[in-house]
Amino acid sequence: MRQIGPVILALVLVTCGGAPPPAASSATPPASPSATVASVATPTPTYAPSAEGFNSKLLVEKPRNYKTPAGQRATDGARFAYATPDIPPLAAGRYTESLRFVVIQTGGRSAAHLHSGVEAVLVLEGRVLVRSGLFAPTFFAAGEGFYMLPKIPVQVVNVGNAAARTLVYSITPEGAPFSIELEQSP
């Protein structure tokens, strides 16, 4: 992800319940209704959970057996391609790696879904809005990318003026579905 700080702050606020409510003061009487200023928040757009104008093409899929979790030194001198502090290491076991080319038409969107494994997305063209259970709704343009952890709801919406194109790399435990559609958007 391009900025981890805002995600950590959001997780802390969600975990802690956000800012504490203002303490009621007995010294100050409540304002009269005529003196109250109504605050109007800009509504966050909602999207149907079903896909529209979305096409995914599987480019490569192959099995992979991880004998040593990422972050640990392999005894045969192998290097790990997935060692990063942002993504937890994979447990030893059998996985399926895949690379997909995704096109989202203008105004289109993916289905609301979650993945069984880790997913990394690179925006090749266009501008997308990513709504997820991992971070606040965020815009990504060409050359930017993000990742999703397993079992986190996500939906990608094309908010640009042309088709958006992305490359999606995923590592899924063998036998688990690549994605599971949800009945509600994140």
C-alpha atoms as a PDB file:
ATOM      1  CA  MET A   1       0.000   0.000   0.000  1.00  0.00           C
ATOM      2  CA  ARG A   2       1.310   3.464  -0.712  1.00  0.00           C
ATOM      3  CA  GLN A   3       0.773   4.882   2.793  1.00  0.00           C
ATOM      4  CA  ILE A   4       0.668   2.662   5.870  1.00  0.00           C
ATOM      5  CA  GLY A   5       0.376   5.502   8.448  1.00  0.00           C
ATOM      6  CA  PRO A   6      -3.289   6.376   7.736  1.00  0.00           C
ATOM      7  CA  VAL A   7      -4.223   2.678   7.844  1.00  0.00           C
ATOM      8  CA  ILE A   8      -2.576   2.229  11.240  1.00  0.00           C
ATOM      9  CA  LEU A   9      -4.291   5.387  12.553  1.00  0.00           C
ATOM     10  CA  ALA A  10      -7.667   4.151  11.272  1.00  0.00           C
ATOM     11  CA  LEU A  11      -7.151   0.731  12.883  1.00  0.00           C
ATOM     12  CA  VAL A  12      -6.208   2.360  16.193  1.00  0.00           C
ATOM     13  CA  LEU A  13      -9.282   4.608  16.075  1.00  0.00           C
ATOM     14  CA  VAL A  14     -11.594   1.725  15.189  1.00  0.00           C
ATOM     15  CA  THR A  15     -10.079  -0.523  17.854  1.00  0.00           C
ATOM     16  CA  CYS A  16     -10.221   2.167  20.527  1.00  0.00           C
ATOM     17  CA  GLY A  17     -13.651   3.420  19.503  1.00  0.00           C
ATOM     18  CA  GLY A  18     -12.442   6.739  18.074  1.00  0.00           C
ATOM     19  CA  ALA A  19     -12.215   9.963  20.002  1.00  0.00           C
ATOM     20  CA  PRO A  20     -14.014  10.009  23.358  1.00  0.00           C
ATOM     21  CA  PRO A  21     -17.347  11.826  23.402  1.00  0.00           C
ATOM     22  CA  PRO A  22     -17.186  15.323  24.853  1.00  0.00           C
ATOM     23  CA  ALA A  23     -17.832  15.356  28.567  1.00  0.00           C
ATOM     24  CA  ALA A  24     -21.103  16.913  29.637  1.00  0.00           C
ATOM     25  CA  SER A  25     -20.559  19.989  31.735  1.00  0.00           C
ATOM     26  CA  SER A  26     -23.083  20.931  34.367  1.00  0.00           C
ATOM     27  CA  ALA A  27     -21.814  24.534  34.307  1.00  0.00           C
ATOM     28  CA  THR A  28     -22.902  25.142  30.725  1.00  0.00           C
ATOM     29  CA  PRO A  29     -26.577  24.715  29.909  1.00  0.00           C
ATOM     30  CA  PRO A  30     -27.411  23.003  26.629  1.00  0.00           C
ATOM     31  CA  ALA A  31     -27.871  25.303  23.660  1.00  0.00           C
ATOM     32  CA  SER A  32     -31.386  26.120  22.607  1.00  0.00           C
ATOM     33  CA  PRO A  33     -32.645  24.421  19.446  1.00  0.00           C
ATOM     34  CA  SER A  34     -32.642  27.747  17.592  1.00  0.00           C
ATOM     35  CA  ALA A  35     -28.942  28.258  18.408  1.00  0.00           C
ATOM     36  CA  THR A  36     -27.903  24.780  17.270  1.00  0.00           C
ATOM     37  CA  VAL A  37     -26.012  24.566  13.993  1.00  0.00           C
ATOM     38  CA  ALA A  38     -26.721  21.420  12.049  1.00  0.00           C
ATOM     39  CA  SER A  39     -23.664  19.730  10.658  1.00  0.00           C
ATOM     40  CA  VAL A  40     -24.139  18.016   7.345  1.00  0.00           C
ATOM     41  CA  ALA A  41     -21.688  15.294   6.409  1.00  0.00           C
ATOM     42  CA  THR A  42     -21.008  14.463   2.795  1.00  0.00           C
ATOM     43  CA  PRO A  43     -22.467  10.998   2.322  1.00  0.00           C
ATOM     44  CA  THR A  44     -20.082   8.286   1.194  1.00  0.00           C
ATOM     45  CA  PRO A  45     -21.470   6.766  -1.987  1.00  0.00           C
ATOM     46  CA  THR A  46     -22.693   3.225  -1.704  1.00  0.00           C
ATOM     47  CA  TYR A  47     -22.491   0.638  -4.446  1.00  0.00           C
ATOM     48  CA  ALA A  48     -24.482  -2.471  -5.217  1.00  0.00           C
ATOM     49  CA  PRO A  49     -22.548  -5.596  -4.171  1.00  0.00           C
ATOM     50  CA  SER A  50     -22.872  -7.142  -7.647  1.00  0.00           C
ATOM     51  CA  ALA A  51     -20.280  -6.698 -10.398  1.00  0.00           C
ATOM     52  CA  GLU A  52     -21.029  -4.443 -13.347  1.00  0.00           C
ATOM     53  CA  GLY A  53     -18.747  -3.715 -16.308  1.00  0.00           C
ATOM     54  CA  PHE A  54     -16.092  -6.013 -14.808  1.00  0.00           C
ATOM     55  CA  ASN A  55     -14.003  -8.564 -16.703  1.00  0.00           C
ATOM     56  CA  SER A  56     -11.182 -10.724 -15.310  1.00  0.00           C
ATOM     57  CA  LYS A  57      -8.861 -12.856 -17.434  1.00  0.00           C
ATOM     58  CA  LEU A  58      -6.593 -15.455 -15.823  1.00  0.00           C
ATOM     59  CA  LEU A  59      -3.100 -15.054 -17.313  1.00  0.00           C
ATOM     60  CA  VAL A  60      -1.073 -17.532 -15.235  1.00  0.00           C
ATOM     61  CA  GLU A  61      -1.919 -19.999 -12.492  1.00  0.00           C
ATOM     62  CA  LYS A  62       0.483 -22.470 -10.950  1.00  0.00           C
ATOM     63  CA  PRO A  63       0.857 -24.489  -7.771  1.00  0.00           C
ATOM     64  CA  ARG A  64       3.585 -23.566  -5.310  1.00  0.00           C
ATOM     65  CA  ASN A  65       4.807 -25.481  -2.267  1.00  0.00           C
ATOM     66  CA  TYR A  66       6.203 -23.255   0.480  1.00  0.00           C
ATOM     67  CA  LYS A  67       8.501 -25.280   2.679  1.00  0.00           C
ATOM     68  CA  THR A  68       9.757 -22.426   4.839  1.00  0.00           C
ATOM     69  CA  PRO A  69       7.610 -19.457   5.858  1.00  0.00           C
ATOM     70  CA  ALA A  70       8.775 -16.089   4.522  1.00  0.00           C
ATOM     71  CA  GLY A  71      11.023 -14.225   6.938  1.00  0.00           C
ATOM     72  CA  GLN A  72      12.928 -17.372   7.949  1.00  0.00           C
ATOM     73  CA  ARG A  73      16.210 -18.410   6.364  1.00  0.00           C
ATOM     74  CA  ALA A  74      15.939 -21.393   4.072  1.00  0.00           C
ATOM     75  CA  THR A  75      18.547 -24.102   4.600  1.00  0.00           C
ATOM     76  CA  ASP A  76      19.173 -24.403   0.850  1.00  0.00           C
ATOM     77  CA  GLY A  77      20.097 -20.698   0.460  1.00  0.00           C
ATOM     78  CA  ALA A  78      16.871 -19.813  -1.355  1.00  0.00           C
ATOM     79  CA  ARG A  79      15.621 -16.256  -1.163  1.00  0.00           C
ATOM     80  CA  PHE A  80      12.043 -15.303  -0.359  1.00  0.00           C
ATOM     81  CA  ALA A  81      10.118 -13.100  -2.769  1.00  0.00           C
ATOM     82  CA  TYR A  82       7.295 -12.324  -0.333  1.00  0.00           C
ATOM     83  CA  ALA A  83       9.111 -11.120   2.799  1.00  0.00           C
ATOM     84  CA  THR A  84       7.668  -7.727   3.773  1.00  0.00           C
ATOM     85  CA  PRO A  85       6.674  -6.158   7.088  1.00  0.00           C
ATOM     86  CA  ASP A  86       3.266  -5.159   5.630  1.00  0.00           C
ATOM     87  CA  ILE A  87       2.054  -8.666   4.828  1.00  0.00           C
ATOM     88  CA  PRO A  88       2.210 -11.516   7.337  1.00  0.00           C
ATOM     89  CA  PRO A  89       4.430 -14.446   6.314  1.00  0.00           C
ATOM     90  CA  LEU A  90       2.805 -17.417   4.644  1.00  0.00           C
ATOM     91  CA  ALA A  91       2.625 -20.643   6.591  1.00  0.00           C
ATOM     92  CA  ALA A  92       4.398 -23.625   5.082  1.00  0.00           C
ATOM     93  CA  GLY A  93       2.086 -25.531   2.762  1.00  0.00           C
ATOM     94  CA  ARG A  94       0.672 -25.755  -0.728  1.00  0.00           C
ATOM     95  CA  TYR A  95      -0.611 -22.632  -2.483  1.00  0.00           C
ATOM     96  CA  THR A  96      -1.854 -21.535  -5.874  1.00  0.00           C
ATOM     97  CA  GLU A  97      -0.310 -18.396  -7.358  1.00  0.00           C
ATOM     98  CA  SER A  98      -2.210 -16.541 -10.041  1.00  0.00           C
ATOM     99  CA  LEU A  99      -1.892 -13.436 -12.163  1.00  0.00           C
ATOM    100  CA  ARG A 100      -5.050 -11.887 -13.590  1.00  0.00           C
ATOM    101  CA  PHE A 101      -5.687  -8.992 -15.951  1.00  0.00           C
ATOM    102  CA  VAL A 102      -8.788  -7.074 -14.888  1.00  0.00           C
ATOM    103  CA  VAL A 103     -10.711  -4.463 -16.872  1.00  0.00           C
ATOM    104  CA  ILE A 104     -13.393  -2.344 -15.204  1.00  0.00           C
ATOM    105  CA  GLN A 105     -15.449  -0.257 -17.613  1.00  0.00           C
ATOM    106  CA  THR A 106     -16.257   3.394 -16.916  1.00  0.00           C
ATOM    107  CA  GLY A 107     -18.703   3.478 -14.006  1.00  0.00           C
ATOM    108  CA  GLY A 108     -18.233  -0.264 -13.436  1.00  0.00           C
ATOM    109  CA  ARG A 109     -17.234  -2.184 -10.319  1.00  0.00           C
ATOM    110  CA  SER A 110     -16.163  -5.558  -9.017  1.00  0.00           C
ATOM    111  CA  ALA A 111     -18.496  -7.605  -6.906  1.00  0.00           C
ATOM    112  CA  ALA A 112     -18.145  -7.112  -3.162  1.00  0.00           C
ATOM    113  CA  HIS A 113     -15.937 -10.036  -2.217  1.00  0.00           C
ATOM    114  CA  LEU A 114     -13.175 -11.396  -0.038  1.00  0.00           C
ATOM    115  CA  HIS A 115     -10.186 -13.573  -0.848  1.00  0.00           C
ATOM    116  CA  SER A 116      -8.939 -16.785   0.704  1.00  0.00           C
ATOM    117  CA  GLY A 117      -5.335 -15.608   0.356  1.00  0.00           C
ATOM    118  CA  VAL A 118      -3.235 -12.491  -0.111  1.00  0.00           C
ATOM    119  CA  GLU A 119      -3.904 -10.272  -3.125  1.00  0.00           C
ATOM    120  CA  ALA A 120      -1.754  -7.466  -4.575  1.00  0.00           C
ATOM    121  CA  VAL A 121      -3.156  -5.097  -7.203  1.00  0.00           C
ATOM    122  CA  LEU A 122      -1.306  -2.727  -9.542  1.00  0.00           C
ATOM    123  CA  VAL A 123      -3.364  -0.127 -11.423  1.00  0.00           C
ATOM    124  CA  LEU A 124      -2.075  -0.003 -15.003  1.00  0.00           C
ATOM    125  CA  GLU A 125      -4.550   2.533 -16.412  1.00  0.00           C
ATOM    126  CA  GLY A 126      -7.371   4.643 -15.057  1.00  0.00           C
ATOM    127  CA  ARG A 127      -8.471   5.571 -11.558  1.00  0.00           C
ATOM    128  CA  VAL A 128     -10.219   3.299  -9.068  1.00  0.00           C
ATOM    129  CA  LEU A 129     -11.810   3.642  -5.663  1.00  0.00           C
ATOM    130  CA  VAL A 130     -11.101   0.763  -3.300  1.00  0.00           C
ATOM    131  CA  ARG A 131     -13.601   0.179  -0.500  1.00  0.00           C
ATOM    132  CA  SER A 132     -12.487  -2.398   2.021  1.00  0.00           C
ATOM    133  CA  GLY A 133     -12.602  -3.551   5.601  1.00  0.00           C
ATOM    134  CA  LEU A 134      -8.826  -2.928   5.847  1.00  0.00           C
ATOM    135  CA  PHE A 135      -8.602   0.827   5.218  1.00  0.00           C
ATOM    136  CA  ALA A 136     -10.780   3.875   4.531  1.00  0.00           C
ATOM    137  CA  PRO A 137     -12.085   4.271   0.951  1.00  0.00           C
ATOM    138  CA  THR A 138      -8.999   5.175  -1.089  1.00  0.00           C
ATOM    139  CA  PHE A 139      -8.351   6.262  -4.675  1.00  0.00           C
ATOM    140  CA  PHE A 140      -5.567   4.692  -6.741  1.00  0.00           C
ATOM    141  CA  ALA A 141      -4.318   5.872 -10.147  1.00  0.00           C
ATOM    142  CA  ALA A 142      -2.054   4.346 -12.790  1.00  0.00           C
ATOM    143  CA  GLY A 143       1.256   3.243 -11.282  1.00  0.00           C
ATOM    144  CA  GLU A 144      -0.171   2.864  -7.769  1.00  0.00           C
ATOM    145  CA  GLY A 145      -1.216  -0.305  -6.020  1.00  0.00           C
ATOM    146  CA  PHE A 146      -2.526  -1.901  -2.868  1.00  0.00           C
ATOM    147  CA  TYR A 147      -2.795  -5.275  -1.189  1.00  0.00           C
ATOM    148  CA  MET A 148      -5.583  -7.118   0.573  1.00  0.00           C
ATOM    149  CA  LEU A 149      -5.191  -9.639   3.347  1.00  0.00           C
ATOM    150  CA  PRO A 150      -7.255 -12.842   3.502  1.00  0.00           C
ATOM    151  CA  LYS A 151     -10.905 -12.632   4.532  1.00  0.00           C
ATOM    152  CA  ILE A 152     -11.122  -8.809   4.274  1.00  0.00           C
ATOM    153  CA  PRO A 153     -14.175  -7.494   2.346  1.00  0.00           C
ATOM    154  CA  VAL A 154     -13.242  -5.432  -0.719  1.00  0.00           C
ATOM    155  CA  GLN A 155     -14.854  -3.808  -3.748  1.00  0.00           C
ATOM    156  CA  VAL A 156     -13.104  -1.912  -6.558  1.00  0.00           C
ATOM    157  CA  VAL A 157     -14.988   0.829  -8.428  1.00  0.00           C
ATOM    158  CA  ASN A 158     -13.865   2.616 -11.607  1.00  0.00           C
ATOM    159  CA  VAL A 159     -14.186   6.352 -10.867  1.00  0.00           C
ATOM    160  CA  GLY A 160     -12.242   7.533 -13.922  1.00  0.00           C
ATOM    161  CA  ASN A 161     -13.362   8.697 -17.359  1.00  0.00           C
ATOM    162  CA  ALA A 162     -12.075   5.596 -19.181  1.00  0.00           C
ATOM    163  CA  ALA A 163     -11.741   1.869 -18.586  1.00  0.00           C
ATOM    164  CA  ALA A 164      -9.484   0.972 -15.662  1.00  0.00           C
ATOM    165  CA  ARG A 165      -6.975  -1.845 -16.137  1.00  0.00           C
ATOM    166  CA  THR A 166      -5.220  -3.674 -13.307  1.00  0.00           C
ATOM    167  CA  LEU A 167      -2.926  -6.630 -12.723  1.00  0.00           C
ATOM    168  CA  VAL A 168      -3.938  -8.799  -9.778  1.00  0.00           C
ATOM    169  CA  TYR A 169      -1.435 -11.193  -8.201  1.00  0.00           C
ATOM    170  CA  SER A 170      -2.745 -13.620  -5.599  1.00  0.00           C
ATOM    171  CA  ILE A 171      -1.460 -16.396  -3.372  1.00  0.00           C
ATOM    172  CA  THR A 172      -4.294 -18.678  -2.266  1.00  0.00           C
ATOM    173  CA  PRO A 173      -4.109 -21.817  -0.095  1.00  0.00           C
ATOM    174  CA  GLU A 174      -4.500 -24.885  -2.316  1.00  0.00           C
ATOM    175  CA  GLY A 175      -8.115 -25.980  -2.613  1.00  0.00           C
ATOM    176  CA  ALA A 176      -9.514 -22.670  -1.294  1.00  0.00           C
ATOM    177  CA  PRO A 177     -11.587 -20.483  -3.631  1.00  0.00           C
ATOM    178  CA  PHE A 178      -9.829 -17.451  -5.147  1.00  0.00           C
ATOM    179  CA  SER A 179     -12.676 -15.188  -4.037  1.00  0.00           C
ATOM    180  CA  ILE A 180     -16.051 -15.383  -2.332  1.00  0.00           C
ATOM    181  CA  GLU A 181     -18.799 -12.937  -3.312  1.00  0.00           C
ATOM    182  CA  LEU A 182     -20.581 -11.045  -0.536  1.00  0.00           C
ATOM    183  CA  GLU A 183     -24.170  -9.863  -0.246  1.00  0.00           C
ATOM    184  CA  GLN A 184     -23.168  -6.458   1.141  1.00  0.00           C
ATOM    185  CA  SER A 185     -20.623  -3.906  -0.060  1.00  0.00           C
ATOM    186  CA  PRO A 186     -17.849  -2.908   2.361  1.00  0.00           C
END
